[in-house]
Structure formats: C-alpha cells, structure tokens
Amino acid sequence: MATVPPLRIWLYGLLLAAAVLALLIPLRQLVERKTGEALAGEVQHYLSAPSSRGQGHVRVLALGSSLLRAATPSVHYQALHGVEWLRLTKSYVGFGYLGIVLESIDKQPPDVLVIDTNLLLPAETLVDDLRDTLALAPINAGYALMEQAGWGAPWSKRVLQQQEAPYVCAPLAADRLYQQRTILIPQQKAELATATVDPVLSSTLLRLSRQGVRIVLLDLRRSAQFQHDLDGEKQRWLQRWQSVLPPGPTIAYLTSPDFNDASLYCDGRHMNDAGARRFAGWWRQQLEQMGKEN
C-alpha cells in the first residue's frame, strides 16, 4: 500500500511553487511591457515613415486576437489599392501588451484603427496568466540570454517576426471539437453576460474618434458550431458598447460574413488557410472602401 507523504512535504511543495510563481510573474510583466514597447515602436515607424507607395494612401492599424491573426496572414494584404495595412495581435482576450500600442498612437494616430472585438472583453483570468507565465517565461528568458551572448536576432526583432509568422492550428477531430464546445460555449456565454464596458478604453477610443480617426470594431465570426450558441449573448454585449460608442461617421461596427462552412476552420474558431483566403476576398473590399471613404 502506497504511503502518503507527510503533511510538511505538501507544505514545502506549496511554498516552493509559491516562490517560483513570485519570481515568474514579475518576469511575465516585464516581458509584456517589453513586447508592448517593441510593437509600439514598430507602429510609430509605420505611422511616421514616408509612404512607400506615394501620397494619398490611408494607413490602417489593426489590433486583434489570435482570431484576427489566423484570418489575415500577410500574404493576402501586400497590394491593397489606396490602403497601407499593419496588423498586430496577441493571444486570448483583452488588450494586454497591445494596450501600450494603443497608448502610443495618441499623438500620431492612424487614419483607421481596426479593433477585433475580442480585445474589448475583460483581460485574462489569474489561471490564464499563470499558465502563460509558466509556458512563456523560460522561452523569453532564453531569448534574452541569446541576445546577451550575441546569438541570433535581437529580442525586439523576434517579437516583430512572431507577428508575421503564420498562425499554426492543427485540425480537430469531431469528438475533440465536441468536447471543446461543451467546455468553451458555457464559459464564453458567462463571460459575455457579465462583461462590462471598460470606461478607460471606451474614453480612449472616443477621444481618437473625435480626433478624426475612424474606429472600426470588427467581430470575427467563428464556425456555425460555435457562433450560433453565442450570438444572442454577444449581440447584447455589443449593444452595451454601442450605447457608449454609438455608430456614426467615425465609429463603425462590422461583423465578418457567416461562411457556414466548417471546413474553413481548423478548430471551429480559427480560420485555416482556406478560410483566410475566403475571408481575404471580403476584408480586402472593406479595407479598400475605408481608403475611399477617408
């Protein structure tokens, strides 16, 4: 019969885990800040540099979650008519380090600011934060050590390279997809039901719109298996935002098309290559129309 470890062993283990997290969480916060600063620097370069395509091009900055990253690989947006496009993303909901980017554009804003509505949701929970800390802190520490030793690209350049890297998503089998739906749908409905409008974020967006920046809040639809169960709660949540940021000449709400084709998604939520190509046909038209309207 297996013996149970003494209580003091459990206590020592808990103390050790707490000590590790106490070291890793500040490291995660430092990495978040450095990531945001690197991306903010790239945005300032994008907004201040002379246009590579002559005068009259509208500059669009898009900030989003992994849904936007999967839907908009750069290969489809290298030759837009009248528009220059820069897209920056992060994982999960909430602005996170993209909040630093948003703060940085106050003095020199883009012509159009596109925001994936996933970023409007409350930031990650403590559980998510701890999970990402444990997963990413050692990797980023390795990058920092490599940069210190003079190996490979600078850490800030790696951050920009990660933005250009394609989104990798392995297709899920039907049973695994069903399992994820049963877990994620109730969780996301509860998040939408309780989500409030962030007064600081809404004030920032309202101020930018009054400065003449066109704000486009883009809701990226998931596959029908995920989307239809969320539609009602999501619309009520977006209506709360519309009461604070009413649609008008400088504020628009867009919803991506309902392709109603599960084969365009790798996991029911993120678009695969075929989905991104299908999405590009619609989104390029939207971007080029923004260029004409500005």
C-alpha atoms as a PDB file:
ATOM      1  CA  MET A   1       0.000   0.000   0.000  1.00  0.00           C
ATOM      2  CA  ALA A   2       1.428   3.379  -1.019  1.00  0.00           C
ATOM      3  CA  THR A   3       2.343   5.665   1.854  1.00  0.00           C
ATOM      4  CA  VAL A   4       1.024   9.228   1.970  1.00  0.00           C
ATOM      5  CA  PRO A   5       3.786  11.863   2.174  1.00  0.00           C
ATOM      6  CA  PRO A   6       3.909  13.738   5.474  1.00  0.00           C
ATOM      7  CA  LEU A   7       1.969  16.997   5.669  1.00  0.00           C
ATOM      8  CA  ARG A   8       5.181  19.008   5.866  1.00  0.00           C
ATOM      9  CA  ILE A   9       6.186  17.709   2.412  1.00  0.00           C
ATOM     10  CA  TRP A  10       2.957  19.097   0.942  1.00  0.00           C
ATOM     11  CA  LEU A  11       3.595  22.394   2.700  1.00  0.00           C
ATOM     12  CA  TYR A  12       7.158  22.568   1.414  1.00  0.00           C
ATOM     13  CA  GLY A  13       5.864  21.860  -2.110  1.00  0.00           C
ATOM     14  CA  LEU A  14       3.289  24.633  -1.871  1.00  0.00           C
ATOM     15  CA  LEU A  15       5.888  27.076  -0.565  1.00  0.00           C
ATOM     16  CA  LEU A  16       8.269  26.150  -3.384  1.00  0.00           C
ATOM     17  CA  ALA A  17       5.519  26.620  -6.003  1.00  0.00           C
ATOM     18  CA  ALA A  18       4.600  29.989  -4.496  1.00  0.00           C
ATOM     19  CA  ALA A  19       8.255  31.069  -4.567  1.00  0.00           C
ATOM     20  CA  VAL A  20       8.620  30.082  -8.228  1.00  0.00           C
ATOM     21  CA  LEU A  21       5.471  31.995  -9.190  1.00  0.00           C
ATOM     22  CA  ALA A  22       6.626  35.005  -7.173  1.00  0.00           C
ATOM     23  CA  LEU A  23       9.708  35.090  -9.414  1.00  0.00           C
ATOM     24  CA  LEU A  24       7.972  34.297 -12.700  1.00  0.00           C
ATOM     25  CA  ILE A  25       5.050  36.740 -12.508  1.00  0.00           C
ATOM     26  CA  PRO A  26       7.270  39.867 -12.396  1.00  0.00           C
ATOM     27  CA  LEU A  27       9.245  38.364 -15.284  1.00  0.00           C
ATOM     28  CA  ARG A  28       5.995  37.915 -17.224  1.00  0.00           C
ATOM     29  CA  GLN A  29       5.054  41.535 -16.537  1.00  0.00           C
ATOM     30  CA  LEU A  30       8.474  42.675 -17.744  1.00  0.00           C
ATOM     31  CA  VAL A  31       8.110  40.620 -20.923  1.00  0.00           C
ATOM     32  CA  GLU A  32       4.619  42.076 -21.509  1.00  0.00           C
ATOM     33  CA  ARG A  33       5.959  45.613 -21.157  1.00  0.00           C
ATOM     34  CA  LYS A  34       8.953  44.995 -23.422  1.00  0.00           C
ATOM     35  CA  THR A  35       6.721  43.323 -26.025  1.00  0.00           C
ATOM     36  CA  GLY A  36       4.317  46.260 -25.982  1.00  0.00           C
ATOM     37  CA  GLU A  37       7.150  48.760 -26.283  1.00  0.00           C
ATOM     38  CA  ALA A  38       8.695  46.891 -29.224  1.00  0.00           C
ATOM     39  CA  LEU A  39       5.356  46.797 -31.061  1.00  0.00           C
ATOM     40  CA  ALA A  40       4.625  50.447 -30.215  1.00  0.00           C
ATOM     41  CA  GLY A  41       7.976  51.358 -31.757  1.00  0.00           C
ATOM     42  CA  GLU A  42       7.060  49.484 -34.931  1.00  0.00           C
ATOM     43  CA  VAL A  43       3.716  51.315 -35.071  1.00  0.00           C
ATOM     44  CA  GLN A  44       5.400  54.708 -34.709  1.00  0.00           C
ATOM     45  CA  HIS A  45       7.785  53.845 -37.519  1.00  0.00           C
ATOM     46  CA  TYR A  46       4.829  52.750 -39.670  1.00  0.00           C
ATOM     47  CA  LEU A  47       2.874  55.935 -38.990  1.00  0.00           C
ATOM     48  CA  SER A  48       5.757  58.407 -39.293  1.00  0.00           C
ATOM     49  CA  ALA A  49       7.738  56.985 -42.227  1.00  0.00           C
ATOM     50  CA  PRO A  50       7.010  58.363 -45.715  1.00  0.00           C
ATOM     51  CA  SER A  51       4.588  56.148 -47.591  1.00  0.00           C
ATOM     52  CA  SER A  52       6.363  53.547 -49.689  1.00  0.00           C
ATOM     53  CA  ARG A  53       3.537  53.761 -52.206  1.00  0.00           C
ATOM     54  CA  GLY A  54       3.202  57.502 -52.741  1.00  0.00           C
ATOM     55  CA  GLN A  55       0.793  60.093 -51.428  1.00  0.00           C
ATOM     56  CA  GLY A  56      -2.879  59.533 -50.695  1.00  0.00           C
ATOM     57  CA  HIS A  57      -2.707  56.097 -49.109  1.00  0.00           C
ATOM     58  CA  VAL A  58      -4.812  55.590 -45.995  1.00  0.00           C
ATOM     59  CA  ARG A  59      -2.939  53.974 -43.119  1.00  0.00           C
ATOM     60  CA  VAL A  60      -4.871  51.287 -41.285  1.00  0.00           C
ATOM     61  CA  LEU A  61      -3.704  49.837 -37.980  1.00  0.00           C
ATOM     62  CA  ALA A  62      -5.452  46.645 -36.834  1.00  0.00           C
ATOM     63  CA  LEU A  63      -5.183  45.275 -33.290  1.00  0.00           C
ATOM     64  CA  GLY A  64      -6.595  41.860 -32.574  1.00  0.00           C
ATOM     65  CA  SER A  65      -6.565  38.422 -31.014  1.00  0.00           C
ATOM     66  CA  SER A  66      -5.456  35.119 -32.496  1.00  0.00           C
ATOM     67  CA  LEU A  67      -8.751  35.062 -34.448  1.00  0.00           C
ATOM     68  CA  LEU A  68      -7.574  38.080 -36.458  1.00  0.00           C
ATOM     69  CA  ARG A  69      -4.083  36.643 -36.835  1.00  0.00           C
ATOM     70  CA  ALA A  70      -5.424  33.387 -38.271  1.00  0.00           C
ATOM     71  CA  ALA A  71      -7.827  35.222 -40.600  1.00  0.00           C
ATOM     72  CA  THR A  72      -5.320  37.736 -42.020  1.00  0.00           C
ATOM     73  CA  PRO A  73      -1.948  36.235 -42.990  1.00  0.00           C
ATOM     74  CA  SER A  74       0.184  38.967 -44.529  1.00  0.00           C
ATOM     75  CA  VAL A  75       0.421  37.198 -47.901  1.00  0.00           C
ATOM     76  CA  HIS A  76      -3.108  38.379 -48.777  1.00  0.00           C
ATOM     77  CA  TYR A  77      -2.554  42.073 -47.958  1.00  0.00           C
ATOM     78  CA  GLN A  78       0.623  43.133 -49.707  1.00  0.00           C
ATOM     79  CA  ALA A  79      -1.004  45.060 -52.567  1.00  0.00           C
ATOM     80  CA  LEU A  80      -4.100  46.960 -51.462  1.00  0.00           C
ATOM     81  CA  HIS A  81      -5.490  49.845 -53.516  1.00  0.00           C
ATOM     82  CA  GLY A  82      -5.214  53.127 -51.640  1.00  0.00           C
ATOM     83  CA  VAL A  83      -4.500  51.466 -48.293  1.00  0.00           C
ATOM     84  CA  GLU A  84      -1.466  50.552 -46.197  1.00  0.00           C
ATOM     85  CA  TRP A  85      -2.095  47.893 -43.572  1.00  0.00           C
ATOM     86  CA  LEU A  86      -0.378  46.888 -40.346  1.00  0.00           C
ATOM     87  CA  ARG A  87      -1.850  44.169 -38.130  1.00  0.00           C
ATOM     88  CA  LEU A  88      -0.665  43.333 -34.595  1.00  0.00           C
ATOM     89  CA  THR A  89      -2.162  40.556 -32.467  1.00  0.00           C
ATOM     90  CA  LYS A  90      -1.924  38.751 -29.143  1.00  0.00           C
ATOM     91  CA  SER A  91      -3.363  35.528 -27.733  1.00  0.00           C
ATOM     92  CA  TYR A  92      -6.635  35.388 -25.824  1.00  0.00           C
ATOM     93  CA  VAL A  93      -8.980  38.247 -24.910  1.00  0.00           C
ATOM     94  CA  GLY A  94      -8.203  41.697 -23.509  1.00  0.00           C
ATOM     95  CA  PHE A  95      -5.695  44.241 -24.753  1.00  0.00           C
ATOM     96  CA  GLY A  96      -2.712  43.067 -22.705  1.00  0.00           C
ATOM     97  CA  TYR A  97       0.510  44.449 -24.161  1.00  0.00           C
ATOM     98  CA  LEU A  98      -1.434  45.913 -27.103  1.00  0.00           C
ATOM     99  CA  GLY A  99      -2.657  48.496 -24.596  1.00  0.00           C
ATOM    100  CA  ILE A 100       0.832  50.016 -24.776  1.00  0.00           C
ATOM    101  CA  VAL A 101       0.435  50.249 -28.558  1.00  0.00           C
ATOM    102  CA  LEU A 102      -2.948  51.937 -28.153  1.00  0.00           C
ATOM    103  CA  GLU A 103      -1.484  54.500 -25.761  1.00  0.00           C
ATOM    104  CA  SER A 104       1.382  55.230 -28.156  1.00  0.00           C
ATOM    105  CA  ILE A 105      -0.808  56.371 -31.072  1.00  0.00           C
ATOM    106  CA  ASP A 106      -2.378  59.298 -29.214  1.00  0.00           C
ATOM    107  CA  LYS A 107      -0.042  61.908 -30.713  1.00  0.00           C
ATOM    108  CA  GLN A 108       0.250  60.401 -34.179  1.00  0.00           C
ATOM    109  CA  PRO A 109      -2.792  58.214 -34.829  1.00  0.00           C
ATOM    110  CA  PRO A 110      -3.550  56.134 -37.936  1.00  0.00           C
ATOM    111  CA  ASP A 111      -6.294  57.130 -40.365  1.00  0.00           C
ATOM    112  CA  VAL A 112      -8.260  53.992 -39.447  1.00  0.00           C
ATOM    113  CA  LEU A 113      -8.000  51.888 -36.287  1.00  0.00           C
ATOM    114  CA  VAL A 114      -9.497  48.379 -36.546  1.00  0.00           C
ATOM    115  CA  ILE A 115     -10.087  46.524 -33.286  1.00  0.00           C
ATOM    116  CA  ASP A 116     -11.037  42.864 -33.040  1.00  0.00           C
ATOM    117  CA  THR A 117     -13.902  42.833 -30.513  1.00  0.00           C
ATOM    118  CA  ASN A 118     -12.180  40.004 -28.594  1.00  0.00           C
ATOM    119  CA  LEU A 119      -9.862  42.680 -27.219  1.00  0.00           C
ATOM    120  CA  LEU A 120     -12.822  44.533 -25.693  1.00  0.00           C
ATOM    121  CA  LEU A 121     -13.511  41.641 -23.321  1.00  0.00           C
ATOM    122  CA  PRO A 122     -12.020  41.663 -19.808  1.00  0.00           C
ATOM    123  CA  ALA A 123      -8.386  40.578 -19.614  1.00  0.00           C
ATOM    124  CA  GLU A 124      -7.257  37.045 -18.867  1.00  0.00           C
ATOM    125  CA  THR A 125      -8.043  35.391 -15.550  1.00  0.00           C
ATOM    126  CA  LEU A 126      -5.354  34.643 -12.986  1.00  0.00           C
ATOM    127  CA  VAL A 127      -5.365  31.000 -14.106  1.00  0.00           C
ATOM    128  CA  ASP A 128      -4.682  32.038 -17.714  1.00  0.00           C
ATOM    129  CA  ASP A 129      -1.979  34.420 -16.550  1.00  0.00           C
ATOM    130  CA  LEU A 130      -0.214  31.747 -14.501  1.00  0.00           C
ATOM    131  CA  ARG A 131      -0.452  29.214 -17.331  1.00  0.00           C
ATOM    132  CA  ASP A 132       1.098  31.626 -19.819  1.00  0.00           C
ATOM    133  CA  THR A 133       3.735  32.667 -17.321  1.00  0.00           C
ATOM    134  CA  LEU A 134       4.886  29.082 -16.864  1.00  0.00           C
ATOM    135  CA  ALA A 135       4.783  28.406 -20.605  1.00  0.00           C
ATOM    136  CA  LEU A 136       6.472  31.554 -21.923  1.00  0.00           C
ATOM    137  CA  ALA A 137       8.802  32.830 -19.220  1.00  0.00           C
ATOM    138  CA  PRO A 138      11.541  30.199 -19.834  1.00  0.00           C
ATOM    139  CA  ILE A 139      11.346  30.784 -23.619  1.00  0.00           C
ATOM    140  CA  ASN A 140      11.682  34.542 -23.282  1.00  0.00           C
ATOM    141  CA  ALA A 141      14.476  34.141 -20.737  1.00  0.00           C
ATOM    142  CA  GLY A 142      16.277  32.003 -23.320  1.00  0.00           C
ATOM    143  CA  TYR A 143      15.807  34.692 -25.973  1.00  0.00           C
ATOM    144  CA  ALA A 144      17.207  37.310 -23.599  1.00  0.00           C
ATOM    145  CA  LEU A 145      20.263  35.172 -22.838  1.00  0.00           C
ATOM    146  CA  MET A 146      20.867  34.522 -26.554  1.00  0.00           C
ATOM    147  CA  GLU A 147      20.699  38.252 -27.263  1.00  0.00           C
ATOM    148  CA  GLN A 148      23.114  38.944 -24.403  1.00  0.00           C
ATOM    149  CA  ALA A 149      25.524  36.398 -25.876  1.00  0.00           C
ATOM    150  CA  GLY A 150      25.215  37.898 -29.370  1.00  0.00           C
ATOM    151  CA  TRP A 151      23.433  34.897 -30.895  1.00  0.00           C
ATOM    152  CA  GLY A 152      20.534  35.329 -33.280  1.00  0.00           C
ATOM    153  CA  ALA A 153      18.276  38.315 -33.798  1.00  0.00           C
ATOM    154  CA  PRO A 154      17.672  40.899 -31.047  1.00  0.00           C
ATOM    155  CA  TRP A 155      14.764  40.060 -28.804  1.00  0.00           C
ATOM    156  CA  SER A 156      12.696  43.023 -30.038  1.00  0.00           C
ATOM    157  CA  LYS A 157      13.164  41.835 -33.621  1.00  0.00           C
ATOM    158  CA  ARG A 158      11.968  38.376 -32.651  1.00  0.00           C
ATOM    159  CA  VAL A 159       8.775  39.972 -31.326  1.00  0.00           C
ATOM    160  CA  LEU A 160       8.128  41.538 -34.733  1.00  0.00           C
ATOM    161  CA  GLN A 161       8.986  38.300 -36.537  1.00  0.00           C
ATOM    162  CA  GLN A 162       6.429  36.453 -34.403  1.00  0.00           C
ATOM    163  CA  GLN A 163       3.756  38.882 -35.631  1.00  0.00           C
ATOM    164  CA  GLU A 164       4.484  37.887 -39.227  1.00  0.00           C
ATOM    165  CA  ALA A 165       4.645  34.154 -38.563  1.00  0.00           C
ATOM    166  CA  PRO A 166       1.601  32.185 -39.795  1.00  0.00           C
ATOM    167  CA  TYR A 167      -0.900  31.035 -37.203  1.00  0.00           C
ATOM    168  CA  VAL A 168      -0.481  27.307 -36.586  1.00  0.00           C
ATOM    169  CA  CYS A 169      -3.613  25.351 -35.741  1.00  0.00           C
ATOM    170  CA  ALA A 170      -3.947  21.584 -36.061  1.00  0.00           C
ATOM    171  CA  PRO A 171      -7.371  20.371 -37.300  1.00  0.00           C
ATOM    172  CA  LEU A 172      -9.504  18.840 -34.547  1.00  0.00           C
ATOM    173  CA  ALA A 173     -11.333  15.533 -34.865  1.00  0.00           C
ATOM    174  CA  ALA A 174     -15.132  15.696 -34.487  1.00  0.00           C
ATOM    175  CA  ASP A 175     -15.143  14.197 -30.970  1.00  0.00           C
ATOM    176  CA  ARG A 176     -12.444  16.595 -29.766  1.00  0.00           C
ATOM    177  CA  LEU A 177     -14.316  19.522 -31.320  1.00  0.00           C
ATOM    178  CA  TYR A 178     -17.468  18.483 -29.470  1.00  0.00           C
ATOM    179  CA  GLN A 179     -15.550  18.301 -26.174  1.00  0.00           C
ATOM    180  CA  GLN A 180     -14.198  21.810 -26.666  1.00  0.00           C
ATOM    181  CA  ARG A 181     -17.664  23.154 -27.478  1.00  0.00           C
ATOM    182  CA  THR A 182     -19.156  21.699 -24.305  1.00  0.00           C
ATOM    183  CA  ILE A 183     -16.431  23.410 -22.267  1.00  0.00           C
ATOM    184  CA  LEU A 184     -15.966  26.703 -24.108  1.00  0.00           C
ATOM    185  CA  ILE A 185     -19.518  27.703 -25.022  1.00  0.00           C
ATOM    186  CA  PRO A 186     -20.872  27.960 -21.431  1.00  0.00           C
ATOM    187  CA  GLN A 187     -17.653  29.674 -20.345  1.00  0.00           C
ATOM    188  CA  GLN A 188     -17.773  32.256 -23.137  1.00  0.00           C
ATOM    189  CA  LYS A 189     -21.505  32.894 -22.686  1.00  0.00           C
ATOM    190  CA  ALA A 190     -20.889  33.607 -18.999  1.00  0.00           C
ATOM    191  CA  GLU A 191     -18.013  35.974 -19.877  1.00  0.00           C
ATOM    192  CA  LEU A 192     -20.186  37.871 -22.366  1.00  0.00           C
ATOM    193  CA  ALA A 193     -23.127  38.056 -19.950  1.00  0.00           C
ATOM    194  CA  THR A 194     -21.042  39.695 -17.214  1.00  0.00           C
ATOM    195  CA  ALA A 195     -18.646  41.757 -19.357  1.00  0.00           C
ATOM    196  CA  THR A 196     -18.952  45.498 -18.832  1.00  0.00           C
ATOM    197  CA  VAL A 197     -17.675  48.375 -20.936  1.00  0.00           C
ATOM    198  CA  ASP A 198     -14.193  49.417 -19.811  1.00  0.00           C
ATOM    199  CA  PRO A 199     -14.546  53.186 -19.150  1.00  0.00           C
ATOM    200  CA  VAL A 200     -10.851  53.931 -19.730  1.00  0.00           C
ATOM    201  CA  LEU A 201     -10.751  52.020 -23.026  1.00  0.00           C
ATOM    202  CA  SER A 202     -14.032  53.495 -24.266  1.00  0.00           C
ATOM    203  CA  SER A 203     -12.828  57.013 -23.393  1.00  0.00           C
ATOM    204  CA  THR A 204      -9.609  56.428 -25.327  1.00  0.00           C
ATOM    205  CA  LEU A 205     -11.478  55.217 -28.406  1.00  0.00           C
ATOM    206  CA  LEU A 206     -13.976  58.068 -28.178  1.00  0.00           C
ATOM    207  CA  ARG A 207     -11.139  60.596 -27.949  1.00  0.00           C
ATOM    208  CA  LEU A 208      -9.427  59.116 -31.001  1.00  0.00           C
ATOM    209  CA  SER A 209     -12.679  59.206 -32.954  1.00  0.00           C
ATOM    210  CA  ARG A 210     -13.100  62.887 -32.088  1.00  0.00           C
ATOM    211  CA  GLN A 211      -9.590  63.491 -33.436  1.00  0.00           C
ATOM    212  CA  GLY A 212     -10.805  62.160 -36.787  1.00  0.00           C
ATOM    213  CA  VAL A 213      -9.597  58.557 -36.505  1.00  0.00           C
ATOM    214  CA  ARG A 214     -12.106  56.143 -37.964  1.00  0.00           C
ATOM    215  CA  ILE A 215     -12.709  53.365 -35.419  1.00  0.00           C
ATOM    216  CA  VAL A 216     -13.850  50.010 -36.812  1.00  0.00           C
ATOM    217  CA  LEU A 217     -14.873  47.364 -34.279  1.00  0.00           C
ATOM    218  CA  LEU A 218     -14.660  44.028 -36.071  1.00  0.00           C
ATOM    219  CA  ASP A 219     -16.496  40.956 -34.794  1.00  0.00           C
ATOM    220  CA  LEU A 220     -14.911  37.846 -36.286  1.00  0.00           C
ATOM    221  CA  ARG A 221     -17.428  35.037 -36.577  1.00  0.00           C
ATOM    222  CA  ARG A 222     -16.479  31.524 -35.604  1.00  0.00           C
ATOM    223  CA  SER A 223     -17.837  28.450 -37.343  1.00  0.00           C
ATOM    224  CA  ALA A 224     -21.571  27.783 -37.032  1.00  0.00           C
ATOM    225  CA  GLN A 225     -20.996  25.129 -34.333  1.00  0.00           C
ATOM    226  CA  PHE A 226     -19.530  27.798 -32.026  1.00  0.00           C
ATOM    227  CA  GLN A 227     -21.109  31.000 -33.306  1.00  0.00           C
ATOM    228  CA  HIS A 228     -24.838  30.272 -33.203  1.00  0.00           C
ATOM    229  CA  ASP A 229     -24.860  29.426 -29.485  1.00  0.00           C
ATOM    230  CA  LEU A 230     -23.049  32.692 -28.704  1.00  0.00           C
ATOM    231  CA  ASP A 231     -24.959  35.060 -30.994  1.00  0.00           C
ATOM    232  CA  GLY A 232     -27.623  36.243 -28.548  1.00  0.00           C
ATOM    233  CA  GLU A 233     -25.254  36.984 -25.677  1.00  0.00           C
ATOM    234  CA  LYS A 234     -22.698  38.544 -27.989  1.00  0.00           C
ATOM    235  CA  GLN A 235     -25.254  40.925 -29.519  1.00  0.00           C
ATOM    236  CA  ARG A 236     -26.387  42.072 -26.076  1.00  0.00           C
ATOM    237  CA  TRP A 237     -22.754  42.694 -25.127  1.00  0.00           C
ATOM    238  CA  LEU A 238     -22.065  44.664 -28.327  1.00  0.00           C
ATOM    239  CA  GLN A 239     -25.199  46.717 -27.683  1.00  0.00           C
ATOM    240  CA  ARG A 240     -23.685  47.770 -24.347  1.00  0.00           C
ATOM    241  CA  TRP A 241     -20.642  49.025 -26.264  1.00  0.00           C
ATOM    242  CA  GLN A 242     -22.825  50.764 -28.850  1.00  0.00           C
ATOM    243  CA  SER A 243     -24.590  52.677 -26.085  1.00  0.00           C
ATOM    244  CA  VAL A 244     -21.214  54.164 -25.100  1.00  0.00           C
ATOM    245  CA  LEU A 245     -19.634  54.339 -28.582  1.00  0.00           C
ATOM    246  CA  PRO A 246     -22.612  54.920 -30.895  1.00  0.00           C
ATOM    247  CA  PRO A 247     -22.113  54.068 -34.582  1.00  0.00           C
ATOM    248  CA  GLY A 248     -21.603  57.164 -36.689  1.00  0.00           C
ATOM    249  CA  PRO A 249     -19.285  58.829 -39.214  1.00  0.00           C
ATOM    250  CA  THR A 250     -16.140  57.872 -37.272  1.00  0.00           C
ATOM    251  CA  ILE A 251     -17.276  54.710 -35.446  1.00  0.00           C
ATOM    252  CA  ALA A 252     -18.396  51.571 -37.274  1.00  0.00           C
ATOM    253  CA  TYR A 253     -19.294  48.034 -36.182  1.00  0.00           C
ATOM    254  CA  LEU A 254     -18.566  45.253 -38.669  1.00  0.00           C
ATOM    255  CA  THR A 255     -19.290  41.534 -38.489  1.00  0.00           C
ATOM    256  CA  SER A 256     -17.444  39.130 -40.749  1.00  0.00           C
ATOM    257  CA  PRO A 257     -19.547  37.000 -43.133  1.00  0.00           C
ATOM    258  CA  ASP A 258     -21.161  33.773 -41.977  1.00  0.00           C
ATOM    259  CA  PHE A 259     -19.424  31.368 -44.353  1.00  0.00           C
ATOM    260  CA  ASN A 260     -21.400  28.429 -42.884  1.00  0.00           C
ATOM    261  CA  ASP A 261     -18.629  26.017 -43.860  1.00  0.00           C
ATOM    262  CA  ALA A 262     -16.887  24.118 -41.061  1.00  0.00           C
ATOM    263  CA  SER A 263     -14.043  23.130 -43.408  1.00  0.00           C
ATOM    264  CA  LEU A 264     -12.804  26.763 -43.341  1.00  0.00           C
ATOM    265  CA  TYR A 265     -11.861  26.466 -39.652  1.00  0.00           C
ATOM    266  CA  CYS A 266      -9.161  24.367 -38.041  1.00  0.00           C
ATOM    267  CA  ASP A 267     -10.735  24.187 -34.588  1.00  0.00           C
ATOM    268  CA  GLY A 268     -14.167  25.705 -35.051  1.00  0.00           C
ATOM    269  CA  ARG A 269     -12.869  29.153 -34.102  1.00  0.00           C
ATOM    270  CA  HIS A 270      -9.690  29.987 -36.011  1.00  0.00           C
ATOM    271  CA  MET A 271      -9.680  30.086 -39.812  1.00  0.00           C
ATOM    272  CA  ASN A 272      -7.369  27.748 -41.688  1.00  0.00           C
ATOM    273  CA  ASP A 273      -5.633  28.646 -44.977  1.00  0.00           C
ATOM    274  CA  ALA A 274      -8.806  28.120 -46.996  1.00  0.00           C
ATOM    275  CA  GLY A 275     -10.801  30.221 -44.548  1.00  0.00           C
ATOM    276  CA  ALA A 276      -8.225  33.028 -44.635  1.00  0.00           C
ATOM    277  CA  ARG A 277      -8.369  33.099 -48.438  1.00  0.00           C
ATOM    278  CA  ARG A 278     -12.165  33.256 -48.337  1.00  0.00           C
ATOM    279  CA  PHE A 279     -12.073  35.972 -45.675  1.00  0.00           C
ATOM    280  CA  ALA A 280      -9.488  37.984 -47.646  1.00  0.00           C
ATOM    281  CA  GLY A 281     -11.915  38.497 -50.525  1.00  0.00           C
ATOM    282  CA  TRP A 282     -14.369  40.248 -48.195  1.00  0.00           C
ATOM    283  CA  TRP A 283     -11.847  42.017 -45.963  1.00  0.00           C
ATOM    284  CA  ARG A 284      -9.808  43.480 -48.829  1.00  0.00           C
ATOM    285  CA  GLN A 285     -13.014  45.074 -50.134  1.00  0.00           C
ATOM    286  CA  GLN A 286     -13.721  46.526 -46.698  1.00  0.00           C
ATOM    287  CA  LEU A 287     -10.201  47.933 -46.364  1.00  0.00           C
ATOM    288  CA  GLU A 288     -10.218  49.456 -49.840  1.00  0.00           C
ATOM    289  CA  GLN A 289     -13.613  51.011 -49.134  1.00  0.00           C
ATOM    290  CA  MET A 290     -12.122  52.566 -45.979  1.00  0.00           C
ATOM    291  CA  GLY A 291      -9.435  54.049 -48.199  1.00  0.00           C
ATOM    292  CA  LYS A 292     -12.024  55.639 -50.449  1.00  0.00           C
ATOM    293  CA  GLU A 293     -14.100  56.991 -47.556  1.00  0.00           C
ATOM    294  CA  ASN A 294     -11.096  58.579 -45.869  1.00  0.00           C
END
